[in-house]
Amino acid sequence: MDSTVAEKLFGNSDLDPPYSDGTAGFEHVLEQADLPGPDVRHVTAADAAGAVLARFGELEACFAGLTAALPPPARLARVQALADATVCLLATLHPGGSDLVG
């Protein structure tokens, strides 16, 4: 793992590398995540799907072939934005809307 990304994700923890050894690293990241249910009252599924495609395109632009064109912290931010957009899309498709996550 890139040291900048590791510091951002685990700098405030008492965990030691490797962070993928067991479940503690994942649990720490999940505890730090801000997971309120998205407010999708005024978001259509089509708009949410468009946002997912846009965020995926932004992530894909981080790479030139098999080579990373942007540093790991920039890629992490784009992965997080893609995950947020995906949760929003799922909430528009779920009968409970924002109750899906929150």
N, C-alpha and C. Protein backbone atom coordinates (compact mmCIF):
# COMPACT_ATOMS: atom_id res chain seq x y z
N MET A 1 0.84 -1.17 0.00
CA MET A 1 0.00 0.00 0.00
C MET A 1 0.89 1.23 0.00
N ASP A 2 0.49 2.22 -0.77
CA ASP A 2 1.21 3.48 -0.81
C ASP A 2 1.21 4.12 0.58
N SER A 3 2.34 4.66 0.99
CA SER A 3 2.46 5.21 2.34
C SER A 3 1.55 6.42 2.56
N THR A 4 1.30 7.22 1.52
CA THR A 4 0.41 8.37 1.66
C THR A 4 -1.03 7.92 1.91
N VAL A 5 -1.45 6.91 1.17
CA VAL A 5 -2.80 6.38 1.34
C VAL A 5 -2.92 5.69 2.70
N ALA A 6 -1.90 4.94 3.08
CA ALA A 6 -1.92 4.27 4.39
C ALA A 6 -2.05 5.29 5.50
N GLU A 7 -1.32 6.39 5.40
CA GLU A 7 -1.40 7.44 6.43
C GLU A 7 -2.80 8.05 6.48
N LYS A 8 -3.39 8.28 5.31
CA LYS A 8 -4.73 8.86 5.26
C LYS A 8 -5.77 7.92 5.87
N LEU A 9 -5.65 6.63 5.56
CA LEU A 9 -6.65 5.67 6.04
C LEU A 9 -6.40 5.19 7.47
N PHE A 10 -5.13 5.04 7.86
CA PHE A 10 -4.83 4.38 9.13
C PHE A 10 -3.99 5.23 10.09
N GLY A 11 -3.71 6.47 9.72
CA GLY A 11 -2.86 7.32 10.55
C GLY A 11 -3.40 7.58 11.94
N ASN A 12 -4.72 7.56 12.08
CA ASN A 12 -5.32 7.82 13.40
C ASN A 12 -5.69 6.53 14.13
N SER A 13 -5.07 5.42 13.74
CA SER A 13 -5.38 4.14 14.38
C SER A 13 -4.15 3.59 15.08
N ASP A 14 -4.37 2.55 15.85
CA ASP A 14 -3.24 1.88 16.49
C ASP A 14 -2.88 0.59 15.75
N LEU A 15 -3.33 0.48 14.50
CA LEU A 15 -3.07 -0.71 13.69
C LEU A 15 -1.66 -0.66 13.09
N ASP A 16 -1.07 -1.82 12.95
CA ASP A 16 0.23 -1.94 12.31
C ASP A 16 0.07 -2.63 10.97
N PRO A 17 0.90 -2.27 9.99
CA PRO A 17 0.84 -2.97 8.71
C PRO A 17 1.21 -4.43 8.88
N PRO A 18 0.78 -5.32 8.03
CA PRO A 18 -0.07 -5.05 6.88
C PRO A 18 -1.53 -4.90 7.30
N TYR A 19 -2.18 -3.91 6.73
CA TYR A 19 -3.56 -3.59 7.13
C TYR A 19 -4.56 -4.60 6.59
N SER A 20 -4.15 -5.42 5.63
CA SER A 20 -5.05 -6.43 5.05
C SER A 20 -4.93 -7.77 5.76
N ASP A 21 -4.17 -7.84 6.84
CA ASP A 21 -4.01 -9.07 7.59
C ASP A 21 -5.14 -9.18 8.61
N GLY A 22 -6.14 -9.97 8.31
CA GLY A 22 -7.31 -10.07 9.19
C GLY A 22 -8.35 -9.02 8.82
N THR A 23 -9.27 -8.78 9.75
CA THR A 23 -10.39 -7.86 9.47
C THR A 23 -10.24 -6.49 10.11
N ALA A 24 -9.23 -6.29 10.93
CA ALA A 24 -9.10 -5.04 11.68
C ALA A 24 -8.97 -3.82 10.77
N GLY A 25 -8.19 -3.95 9.70
CA GLY A 25 -8.01 -2.83 8.78
C GLY A 25 -9.32 -2.44 8.11
N PHE A 26 -10.05 -3.42 7.62
CA PHE A 26 -11.35 -3.15 6.98
C PHE A 26 -12.32 -2.54 7.97
N GLU A 27 -12.37 -3.09 9.17
CA GLU A 27 -13.28 -2.57 10.19
C GLU A 27 -12.95 -1.13 10.55
N HIS A 28 -11.65 -0.80 10.60
CA HIS A 28 -11.26 0.58 10.91
C HIS A 28 -11.73 1.52 9.81
N VAL A 29 -11.50 1.15 8.55
CA VAL A 29 -11.92 2.00 7.43
C VAL A 29 -13.44 2.17 7.45
N LEU A 30 -14.17 1.10 7.71
CA LEU A 30 -15.62 1.17 7.75
C LEU A 30 -16.10 2.07 8.89
N GLU A 31 -15.46 1.99 10.05
CA GLU A 31 -15.83 2.85 11.18
C GLU A 31 -15.60 4.33 10.86
N GLN A 32 -14.60 4.63 10.05
CA GLN A 32 -14.28 6.01 9.70
C GLN A 32 -15.18 6.56 8.59
N ALA A 33 -15.85 5.68 7.89
CA ALA A 33 -16.67 6.09 6.75
C ALA A 33 -17.90 6.84 7.21
N ASP A 34 -18.22 7.87 6.47
CA ASP A 34 -19.44 8.64 6.72
C ASP A 34 -20.52 8.04 5.83
N LEU A 35 -21.40 7.24 6.43
CA LEU A 35 -22.38 6.51 5.63
C LEU A 35 -23.83 6.92 5.89
N PRO A 36 -24.12 8.22 5.87
CA PRO A 36 -25.53 8.57 6.00
C PRO A 36 -26.26 8.15 4.72
N GLY A 37 -27.51 7.84 4.85
CA GLY A 37 -28.27 7.49 3.66
C GLY A 37 -28.36 8.70 2.75
N PRO A 38 -28.16 8.51 1.46
CA PRO A 38 -28.24 9.64 0.53
C PRO A 38 -29.66 10.16 0.43
N ASP A 39 -29.80 11.46 0.27
CA ASP A 39 -31.11 12.05 0.08
C ASP A 39 -31.43 11.96 -1.41
N VAL A 40 -32.24 10.99 -1.76
CA VAL A 40 -32.52 10.74 -3.18
C VAL A 40 -33.94 11.15 -3.57
N ARG A 41 -34.57 11.97 -2.74
CA ARG A 41 -35.95 12.38 -3.05
C ARG A 41 -36.05 13.11 -4.39
N HIS A 42 -34.99 13.82 -4.76
CA HIS A 42 -35.04 14.61 -5.99
C HIS A 42 -34.02 14.12 -7.02
N VAL A 43 -33.61 12.84 -6.89
CA VAL A 43 -32.64 12.26 -7.81
C VAL A 43 -33.32 11.12 -8.55
N THR A 44 -33.28 11.17 -9.86
CA THR A 44 -33.83 10.07 -10.65
C THR A 44 -32.78 8.98 -10.79
N ALA A 45 -33.24 7.78 -11.05
CA ALA A 45 -32.32 6.67 -11.28
C ALA A 45 -31.42 6.97 -12.48
N ALA A 46 -31.96 7.61 -13.49
CA ALA A 46 -31.16 7.95 -14.67
C ALA A 46 -30.04 8.92 -14.31
N ASP A 47 -30.35 9.93 -13.50
CA ASP A 47 -29.32 10.89 -13.08
C ASP A 47 -28.27 10.20 -12.21
N ALA A 48 -28.73 9.33 -11.31
CA ALA A 48 -27.79 8.62 -10.44
C ALA A 48 -26.89 7.69 -11.25
N ALA A 49 -27.47 7.03 -12.26
CA ALA A 49 -26.66 6.16 -13.12
C ALA A 49 -25.65 6.99 -13.91
N GLY A 50 -26.06 8.15 -14.35
CA GLY A 50 -25.14 9.05 -15.06
C GLY A 50 -23.97 9.46 -14.17
N ALA A 51 -24.27 9.71 -12.90
CA ALA A 51 -23.21 10.08 -11.95
C ALA A 51 -22.23 8.92 -11.75
N VAL A 52 -22.75 7.69 -11.68
CA VAL A 52 -21.87 6.52 -11.55
C VAL A 52 -20.94 6.43 -12.76
N LEU A 53 -21.50 6.58 -13.94
CA LEU A 53 -20.68 6.52 -15.16
C LEU A 53 -19.64 7.63 -15.18
N ALA A 54 -20.02 8.82 -14.75
CA ALA A 54 -19.07 9.94 -14.73
C ALA A 54 -17.94 9.68 -13.73
N ARG A 55 -18.29 9.21 -12.53
CA ARG A 55 -17.24 8.91 -11.53
C ARG A 55 -16.34 7.79 -12.00
N PHE A 56 -16.90 6.78 -12.70
CA PHE A 56 -16.08 5.70 -13.24
C PHE A 56 -15.12 6.25 -14.28
N GLY A 57 -15.61 7.13 -15.12
CA GLY A 57 -14.75 7.74 -16.13
C GLY A 57 -13.61 8.53 -15.51
N GLU A 58 -13.91 9.24 -14.41
CA GLU A 58 -12.87 9.98 -13.70
C GLU A 58 -11.81 9.04 -13.13
N LEU A 59 -12.26 7.91 -12.59
CA LEU A 59 -11.32 6.92 -12.06
C LEU A 59 -10.50 6.31 -13.20
N GLU A 60 -11.16 5.97 -14.27
CA GLU A 60 -10.48 5.36 -15.42
C GLU A 60 -9.41 6.30 -15.98
N ALA A 61 -9.67 7.61 -15.90
CA ALA A 61 -8.72 8.59 -16.42
C ALA A 61 -7.43 8.65 -15.59
N CYS A 62 -7.45 8.02 -14.43
CA CYS A 62 -6.24 7.97 -13.59
C CYS A 62 -5.18 7.07 -14.18
N PHE A 63 -5.53 6.30 -15.18
CA PHE A 63 -4.62 5.30 -15.72
C PHE A 63 -4.39 5.52 -17.21
N ALA A 64 -3.17 5.26 -17.63
CA ALA A 64 -2.82 5.26 -19.05
C ALA A 64 -2.37 3.84 -19.36
N GLY A 65 -3.26 3.06 -19.93
CA GLY A 65 -2.97 1.64 -20.13
C GLY A 65 -2.89 0.96 -18.77
N LEU A 66 -1.80 0.30 -18.49
CA LEU A 66 -1.62 -0.37 -17.20
C LEU A 66 -0.82 0.48 -16.22
N THR A 67 -0.52 1.72 -16.59
CA THR A 67 0.28 2.59 -15.75
C THR A 67 -0.60 3.64 -15.09
N ALA A 68 -0.38 3.85 -13.82
CA ALA A 68 -1.14 4.87 -13.09
C ALA A 68 -0.64 6.25 -13.48
N ALA A 69 -1.55 7.11 -13.92
CA ALA A 69 -1.20 8.46 -14.34
C ALA A 69 -1.32 9.46 -13.19
N LEU A 70 -2.02 9.10 -12.14
CA LEU A 70 -2.20 9.98 -10.98
C LEU A 70 -1.73 9.25 -9.73
N PRO A 71 -1.31 10.00 -8.72
CA PRO A 71 -0.81 9.37 -7.50
C PRO A 71 -1.92 8.66 -6.72
N PRO A 72 -1.54 7.72 -5.85
CA PRO A 72 -2.54 6.96 -5.08
C PRO A 72 -3.57 7.79 -4.33
N PRO A 73 -3.22 8.91 -3.68
CA PRO A 73 -4.27 9.68 -2.98
C PRO A 73 -5.36 10.19 -3.94
N ALA A 74 -4.97 10.59 -5.13
CA ALA A 74 -5.96 11.05 -6.11
C ALA A 74 -6.84 9.90 -6.56
N ARG A 75 -6.25 8.74 -6.75
CA ARG A 75 -7.05 7.56 -7.14
C ARG A 75 -7.99 7.16 -6.02
N LEU A 76 -7.52 7.23 -4.77
CA LEU A 76 -8.38 6.90 -3.63
C LEU A 76 -9.59 7.81 -3.58
N ALA A 77 -9.39 9.10 -3.77
CA ALA A 77 -10.51 10.05 -3.75
C ALA A 77 -11.53 9.70 -4.83
N ARG A 78 -11.05 9.28 -5.99
CA ARG A 78 -11.96 8.94 -7.08
C ARG A 78 -12.69 7.62 -6.82
N VAL A 79 -12.02 6.68 -6.17
CA VAL A 79 -12.69 5.43 -5.78
C VAL A 79 -13.79 5.74 -4.78
N GLN A 80 -13.50 6.62 -3.82
CA GLN A 80 -14.51 6.99 -2.82
C GLN A 80 -15.70 7.69 -3.47
N ALA A 81 -15.44 8.56 -4.45
CA ALA A 81 -16.53 9.24 -5.15
C ALA A 81 -17.38 8.25 -5.95
N LEU A 82 -16.73 7.25 -6.55
CA LEU A 82 -17.47 6.21 -7.29
C LEU A 82 -18.33 5.40 -6.32
N ALA A 83 -17.79 5.06 -5.17
CA ALA A 83 -18.58 4.31 -4.18
C ALA A 83 -19.78 5.12 -3.71
N ASP A 84 -19.60 6.41 -3.46
CA ASP A 84 -20.71 7.27 -3.04
C ASP A 84 -21.79 7.33 -4.11
N ALA A 85 -21.38 7.49 -5.37
CA ALA A 85 -22.34 7.56 -6.47
C ALA A 85 -23.10 6.24 -6.61
N THR A 86 -22.41 5.14 -6.39
CA THR A 86 -23.05 3.82 -6.49
C THR A 86 -24.09 3.64 -5.39
N VAL A 87 -23.77 4.06 -4.18
CA VAL A 87 -24.74 3.98 -3.08
C VAL A 87 -25.97 4.83 -3.40
N CYS A 88 -25.74 6.00 -3.96
CA CYS A 88 -26.87 6.86 -4.34
C CYS A 88 -27.74 6.17 -5.39
N LEU A 89 -27.12 5.55 -6.39
CA LEU A 89 -27.88 4.82 -7.40
C LEU A 89 -28.69 3.70 -6.77
N LEU A 90 -28.07 2.93 -5.91
CA LEU A 90 -28.79 1.84 -5.26
C LEU A 90 -29.96 2.37 -4.45
N ALA A 91 -29.78 3.50 -3.80
CA ALA A 91 -30.87 4.07 -3.00
C ALA A 91 -32.03 4.52 -3.87
N THR A 92 -31.76 4.98 -5.10
CA THR A 92 -32.86 5.37 -5.98
C THR A 92 -33.63 4.16 -6.47
N LEU A 93 -32.97 3.00 -6.50
CA LEU A 93 -33.62 1.78 -7.00
C LEU A 93 -34.31 0.99 -5.90
N HIS A 94 -33.95 1.26 -4.67
CA HIS A 94 -34.49 0.51 -3.53
C HIS A 94 -35.79 1.16 -3.06
N PRO A 95 -36.83 0.37 -2.78
CA PRO A 95 -38.10 0.95 -2.34
C PRO A 95 -37.98 1.82 -1.09
N GLY A 96 -37.00 1.52 -0.22
CA GLY A 96 -36.82 2.31 0.98
C GLY A 96 -36.02 3.57 0.78
N GLY A 97 -35.51 3.79 -0.43
CA GLY A 97 -34.75 5.00 -0.72
C GLY A 97 -33.55 5.16 0.18
N SER A 98 -33.48 6.28 0.90
CA SER A 98 -32.33 6.58 1.72
C SER A 98 -32.22 5.66 2.93
N ASP A 99 -33.27 4.91 3.25
CA ASP A 99 -33.20 3.96 4.37
C ASP A 99 -32.32 2.77 4.04
N LEU A 100 -31.93 2.64 2.77
CA LEU A 100 -31.09 1.52 2.34
C LEU A 100 -29.78 1.50 3.10
N VAL A 101 -29.18 2.65 3.35
CA VAL A 101 -27.87 2.72 3.97
C VAL A 101 -27.94 3.26 5.38
N GLY A 102 -28.70 4.30 5.59
CA GLY A 102 -28.72 4.99 6.87
C GLY A 102 -29.43 4.23 7.89
